[in-house]
N, C-alpha and C. Protein backbone atom coordinates (compact mmCIF):
# COMPACT_ATOMS: atom_id res chain seq x y z
N MET A 1 -16.42 13.61 -162.92
CA MET A 1 -15.32 13.76 -162.00
C MET A 1 -15.23 12.55 -161.08
N ALA A 2 -15.68 11.42 -161.53
CA ALA A 2 -15.69 10.22 -160.71
C ALA A 2 -14.29 9.77 -160.31
N ASN A 3 -13.29 10.03 -161.13
CA ASN A 3 -11.93 9.61 -160.83
C ASN A 3 -11.16 10.64 -160.01
N GLY A 4 -11.81 11.72 -159.58
CA GLY A 4 -11.14 12.75 -158.80
C GLY A 4 -10.55 13.86 -159.63
N TRP A 5 -10.55 13.71 -160.93
CA TRP A 5 -10.05 14.74 -161.83
C TRP A 5 -11.21 15.60 -162.30
N GLY A 6 -10.93 16.82 -162.62
CA GLY A 6 -11.98 17.70 -163.13
C GLY A 6 -11.39 18.68 -164.12
N LEU A 7 -12.24 19.23 -164.91
CA LEU A 7 -11.83 20.22 -165.89
C LEU A 7 -12.08 21.61 -165.31
N SER A 8 -11.04 22.43 -165.32
CA SER A 8 -11.18 23.79 -164.81
C SER A 8 -10.45 24.76 -165.74
N PHE A 9 -10.69 26.03 -165.53
CA PHE A 9 -9.95 27.07 -166.25
C PHE A 9 -9.82 28.27 -165.34
N THR A 10 -8.91 29.14 -165.69
CA THR A 10 -8.66 30.34 -164.91
C THR A 10 -9.09 31.55 -165.72
N ALA A 11 -9.78 32.47 -165.06
CA ALA A 11 -10.24 33.70 -165.72
C ALA A 11 -9.78 34.90 -164.91
N PRO A 12 -9.51 36.00 -165.58
CA PRO A 12 -9.13 37.22 -164.86
C PRO A 12 -10.35 37.88 -164.25
N SER A 13 -10.17 38.60 -163.16
CA SER A 13 -11.32 39.30 -162.59
C SER A 13 -11.46 40.70 -163.18
N SER A 14 -10.57 41.08 -164.03
CA SER A 14 -10.68 42.38 -164.69
C SER A 14 -11.73 42.29 -165.79
N TYR A 15 -12.78 43.09 -165.69
CA TYR A 15 -13.83 43.10 -166.72
C TYR A 15 -13.23 43.45 -168.08
N TRP A 16 -12.21 44.30 -168.09
CA TRP A 16 -11.55 44.73 -169.32
C TRP A 16 -11.09 43.51 -170.12
N TYR A 17 -10.58 42.49 -169.45
CA TYR A 17 -10.13 41.27 -170.13
C TYR A 17 -11.23 40.23 -170.25
N MET A 18 -12.00 40.04 -169.18
CA MET A 18 -12.97 38.95 -169.16
C MET A 18 -14.17 39.19 -170.08
N ARG A 19 -14.39 40.41 -170.50
CA ARG A 19 -15.54 40.68 -171.37
C ARG A 19 -15.44 39.92 -172.69
N TRP A 20 -14.26 39.46 -173.06
CA TRP A 20 -14.07 38.72 -174.31
C TRP A 20 -14.26 37.22 -174.13
N PHE A 21 -14.42 36.75 -172.90
CA PHE A 21 -14.63 35.33 -172.63
C PHE A 21 -16.10 34.98 -172.84
N ASP A 22 -16.37 33.83 -173.39
CA ASP A 22 -17.74 33.31 -173.43
C ASP A 22 -17.95 32.56 -172.12
N ILE A 23 -18.03 33.33 -171.05
CA ILE A 23 -17.93 32.79 -169.69
C ILE A 23 -19.05 31.81 -169.36
N GLY A 24 -20.25 32.03 -169.86
CA GLY A 24 -21.36 31.11 -169.58
C GLY A 24 -21.11 29.74 -170.16
N ASN A 25 -20.72 29.66 -171.42
CA ASN A 25 -20.46 28.36 -172.05
C ASN A 25 -19.18 27.71 -171.53
N LEU A 26 -18.16 28.52 -171.24
CA LEU A 26 -16.93 27.95 -170.68
C LEU A 26 -17.21 27.28 -169.34
N THR A 27 -17.96 27.97 -168.50
CA THR A 27 -18.24 27.42 -167.18
C THR A 27 -19.17 26.22 -167.26
N ALA A 28 -20.10 26.23 -168.19
CA ALA A 28 -21.00 25.08 -168.35
C ALA A 28 -20.22 23.82 -168.73
N ALA A 29 -19.12 23.99 -169.46
CA ALA A 29 -18.33 22.85 -169.90
C ALA A 29 -17.28 22.42 -168.88
N ALA A 30 -17.09 23.20 -167.83
CA ALA A 30 -16.06 22.91 -166.83
C ALA A 30 -16.69 22.51 -165.50
N ASP A 31 -15.88 21.87 -164.67
CA ASP A 31 -16.33 21.52 -163.32
C ASP A 31 -16.25 22.72 -162.39
N TRP A 32 -15.26 23.60 -162.63
CA TRP A 32 -15.14 24.83 -161.87
C TRP A 32 -14.23 25.79 -162.61
N MET A 33 -14.24 27.04 -162.14
CA MET A 33 -13.34 28.06 -162.68
C MET A 33 -12.61 28.73 -161.53
N ASN A 34 -11.44 29.22 -161.80
CA ASN A 34 -10.65 29.97 -160.83
C ASN A 34 -10.68 31.43 -161.25
N LEU A 35 -11.21 32.29 -160.39
CA LEU A 35 -11.28 33.72 -160.68
C LEU A 35 -10.12 34.41 -159.96
N LEU A 36 -9.17 34.92 -160.75
CA LEU A 36 -8.00 35.57 -160.17
C LEU A 36 -8.35 36.99 -159.74
N THR A 37 -8.12 37.31 -158.48
CA THR A 37 -8.50 38.63 -157.96
C THR A 37 -7.28 39.44 -157.55
N TYR A 38 -6.15 39.15 -158.15
CA TYR A 38 -4.93 39.88 -157.82
C TYR A 38 -4.20 40.23 -159.12
N ASP A 39 -3.22 41.11 -159.00
CA ASP A 39 -2.45 41.59 -160.15
C ASP A 39 -3.34 42.23 -161.22
N LEU A 40 -4.36 42.96 -160.78
CA LEU A 40 -5.21 43.67 -161.72
C LEU A 40 -4.47 44.85 -162.33
N HIS A 41 -3.54 45.43 -161.58
CA HIS A 41 -2.75 46.56 -162.05
C HIS A 41 -1.31 46.35 -161.63
N GLY A 42 -0.42 46.91 -162.39
CA GLY A 42 0.99 46.79 -162.06
C GLY A 42 1.86 47.46 -163.10
N SER A 43 3.12 47.10 -163.08
CA SER A 43 4.09 47.74 -163.97
C SER A 43 3.80 47.46 -165.44
N TRP A 44 2.96 46.47 -165.73
CA TRP A 44 2.61 46.15 -167.12
C TRP A 44 1.58 47.13 -167.69
N ASP A 45 0.91 47.92 -166.84
CA ASP A 45 -0.01 48.94 -167.33
C ASP A 45 0.80 50.00 -168.07
N SER A 46 0.29 50.44 -169.19
CA SER A 46 1.00 51.47 -169.96
C SER A 46 0.06 52.63 -170.23
N PRO A 47 0.62 53.82 -170.51
CA PRO A 47 -0.24 54.98 -170.79
C PRO A 47 -1.12 54.79 -172.02
N GLU A 48 -0.74 53.89 -172.93
CA GLU A 48 -1.50 53.70 -174.15
C GLU A 48 -2.73 52.81 -173.97
N ASP A 49 -2.79 52.03 -172.89
CA ASP A 49 -3.92 51.12 -172.74
C ASP A 49 -5.06 51.78 -172.00
N GLN A 50 -6.15 51.07 -171.86
CA GLN A 50 -7.36 51.58 -171.22
C GLN A 50 -7.14 51.91 -169.75
N ILE A 51 -6.26 51.19 -169.09
CA ILE A 51 -6.10 51.34 -167.65
C ILE A 51 -5.30 52.60 -167.33
N GLY A 52 -4.22 52.85 -168.04
CA GLY A 52 -3.42 54.05 -167.82
C GLY A 52 -2.24 53.82 -166.91
N SER A 53 -1.42 54.83 -166.77
CA SER A 53 -0.21 54.73 -165.96
C SER A 53 -0.44 55.36 -164.59
N PHE A 54 -1.31 54.77 -163.82
CA PHE A 54 -1.66 55.28 -162.50
C PHE A 54 -1.13 54.35 -161.43
N VAL A 55 -1.01 54.87 -160.23
CA VAL A 55 -0.63 54.05 -159.09
C VAL A 55 -1.91 53.47 -158.49
N TYR A 56 -2.12 52.19 -158.69
CA TYR A 56 -3.28 51.50 -158.13
C TYR A 56 -2.82 50.28 -157.35
N ALA A 57 -3.67 49.81 -156.47
CA ALA A 57 -3.38 48.57 -155.77
C ALA A 57 -3.48 47.40 -156.75
N HIS A 58 -2.83 46.31 -156.43
CA HIS A 58 -2.90 45.13 -157.28
C HIS A 58 -4.26 44.47 -157.20
N THR A 59 -5.02 44.79 -156.17
CA THR A 59 -6.36 44.25 -155.98
C THR A 59 -7.33 45.43 -155.87
N ASN A 60 -8.49 45.31 -156.49
CA ASN A 60 -9.45 46.39 -156.49
C ASN A 60 -10.84 45.80 -156.31
N LEU A 61 -11.45 46.07 -155.17
CA LEU A 61 -12.74 45.47 -154.85
C LEU A 61 -13.83 45.84 -155.85
N THR A 62 -13.82 47.05 -156.37
CA THR A 62 -14.81 47.46 -157.36
C THR A 62 -14.70 46.61 -158.62
N GLU A 63 -13.48 46.40 -159.10
CA GLU A 63 -13.29 45.58 -160.30
C GLU A 63 -13.65 44.12 -160.06
N ILE A 64 -13.37 43.63 -158.87
CA ILE A 64 -13.71 42.24 -158.53
C ILE A 64 -15.23 42.10 -158.47
N THR A 65 -15.92 43.07 -157.89
CA THR A 65 -17.38 43.05 -157.84
C THR A 65 -17.96 43.06 -159.25
N ASP A 66 -17.39 43.89 -160.14
CA ASP A 66 -17.84 43.91 -161.53
C ASP A 66 -17.66 42.55 -162.19
N ALA A 67 -16.55 41.88 -161.89
CA ALA A 67 -16.31 40.55 -162.46
C ALA A 67 -17.35 39.54 -161.96
N PHE A 68 -17.64 39.57 -160.66
CA PHE A 68 -18.67 38.67 -160.14
C PHE A 68 -20.03 38.97 -160.77
N ASN A 69 -20.35 40.24 -160.94
CA ASN A 69 -21.62 40.59 -161.58
C ASN A 69 -21.68 40.06 -163.01
N LEU A 70 -20.56 40.09 -163.71
CA LEU A 70 -20.52 39.51 -165.06
C LEU A 70 -20.80 38.01 -165.00
N LEU A 71 -20.25 37.32 -164.00
CA LEU A 71 -20.52 35.89 -163.85
C LEU A 71 -22.00 35.64 -163.59
N TRP A 72 -22.57 36.40 -162.67
CA TRP A 72 -23.97 36.16 -162.29
C TRP A 72 -24.90 36.48 -163.46
N ARG A 73 -24.59 37.53 -164.24
CA ARG A 73 -25.42 37.87 -165.42
C ARG A 73 -25.38 36.77 -166.47
N ASN A 74 -24.31 35.97 -166.46
CA ASN A 74 -24.17 34.87 -167.42
C ASN A 74 -24.55 33.53 -166.79
N ASN A 75 -25.27 33.57 -165.67
CA ASN A 75 -25.80 32.38 -165.00
C ASN A 75 -24.73 31.38 -164.59
N VAL A 76 -23.57 31.88 -164.19
CA VAL A 76 -22.51 31.00 -163.68
C VAL A 76 -22.87 30.64 -162.24
N PRO A 77 -22.98 29.34 -161.92
CA PRO A 77 -23.31 28.95 -160.55
C PRO A 77 -22.18 29.29 -159.59
N ALA A 78 -22.52 29.88 -158.46
CA ALA A 78 -21.51 30.28 -157.48
C ALA A 78 -20.67 29.10 -157.00
N ASN A 79 -21.24 27.89 -156.96
CA ASN A 79 -20.49 26.74 -156.48
C ASN A 79 -19.46 26.24 -157.49
N LYS A 80 -19.37 26.88 -158.66
CA LYS A 80 -18.34 26.55 -159.64
C LYS A 80 -17.19 27.56 -159.65
N VAL A 81 -17.24 28.53 -158.75
CA VAL A 81 -16.25 29.61 -158.76
C VAL A 81 -15.32 29.48 -157.56
N ASN A 82 -14.03 29.36 -157.84
CA ASN A 82 -12.99 29.43 -156.81
C ASN A 82 -12.41 30.83 -156.83
N LEU A 83 -12.24 31.42 -155.67
CA LEU A 83 -11.70 32.77 -155.58
C LEU A 83 -10.19 32.69 -155.39
N GLY A 84 -9.44 33.19 -156.37
CA GLY A 84 -7.98 33.19 -156.28
C GLY A 84 -7.50 34.46 -155.60
N ILE A 85 -6.77 34.28 -154.50
CA ILE A 85 -6.28 35.40 -153.71
C ILE A 85 -4.76 35.32 -153.63
N GLY A 86 -4.10 36.43 -153.92
CA GLY A 86 -2.64 36.48 -153.83
C GLY A 86 -2.20 36.76 -152.40
N PHE A 87 -1.30 35.95 -151.88
CA PHE A 87 -0.77 36.14 -150.53
C PHE A 87 0.69 36.58 -150.61
N TYR A 88 0.91 37.74 -151.17
CA TYR A 88 2.24 38.31 -151.30
C TYR A 88 2.10 39.81 -151.45
N GLY A 89 3.18 40.49 -151.40
CA GLY A 89 3.16 41.94 -151.58
C GLY A 89 4.27 42.37 -152.52
N ARG A 90 4.13 43.55 -153.05
CA ARG A 90 5.15 44.12 -153.93
C ARG A 90 5.38 45.57 -153.53
N THR A 91 6.55 46.04 -153.82
CA THR A 91 6.85 47.45 -153.61
C THR A 91 7.46 48.03 -154.88
N PHE A 92 7.27 49.31 -155.06
CA PHE A 92 7.83 50.01 -156.21
C PHE A 92 8.41 51.33 -155.73
N THR A 93 9.43 51.78 -156.37
CA THR A 93 9.97 53.10 -156.13
C THR A 93 9.44 54.01 -157.23
N LEU A 94 8.70 55.02 -156.81
CA LEU A 94 8.10 55.92 -157.78
C LEU A 94 9.11 56.96 -158.26
N LYS A 95 9.03 57.28 -159.53
CA LYS A 95 9.92 58.28 -160.11
C LYS A 95 9.64 59.65 -159.49
N ASP A 96 8.35 59.97 -159.28
CA ASP A 96 7.94 61.25 -158.70
C ASP A 96 7.56 61.03 -157.24
N LYS A 97 8.40 61.49 -156.32
CA LYS A 97 8.16 61.25 -154.90
C LYS A 97 6.95 62.01 -154.36
N SER A 98 6.42 62.99 -155.12
CA SER A 98 5.23 63.70 -154.68
C SER A 98 3.96 62.90 -154.95
N CYS A 99 4.09 61.82 -155.68
CA CYS A 99 2.94 60.96 -155.96
C CYS A 99 2.78 60.01 -154.79
N THR A 100 1.88 60.35 -153.86
CA THR A 100 1.74 59.57 -152.63
C THR A 100 0.37 58.94 -152.45
N SER A 101 -0.53 59.13 -153.41
CA SER A 101 -1.89 58.60 -153.27
C SER A 101 -2.24 57.72 -154.46
N PRO A 102 -2.98 56.64 -154.21
CA PRO A 102 -3.42 55.80 -155.33
C PRO A 102 -4.27 56.59 -156.31
N GLY A 103 -4.15 56.25 -157.59
CA GLY A 103 -4.98 56.86 -158.61
C GLY A 103 -4.45 58.16 -159.17
N LYS A 104 -3.22 58.52 -158.81
CA LYS A 104 -2.65 59.79 -159.31
C LYS A 104 -1.50 59.53 -160.25
């Protein structure tokens, strides 16, 4: 990185997706990685997938912690990880107005 350029890649913080990455070797070959910690759930979730059609926040600390644990188990150095944080919000109008709590 002598010229100021570096090789990086972006990985999802959802273990559901990141489990297919060879994260240890990818990170060894890169100068850093960007771990996205937002948009874990949203309108793209469907009843047929593993996540389901539930009302969840776009960010989930438990899932992010699981992603970090996956990095540490694969000996990814913490100084190679950039934490991607979304600074925006979204709103949705629910079809069923009685659904007022996350996870239902």
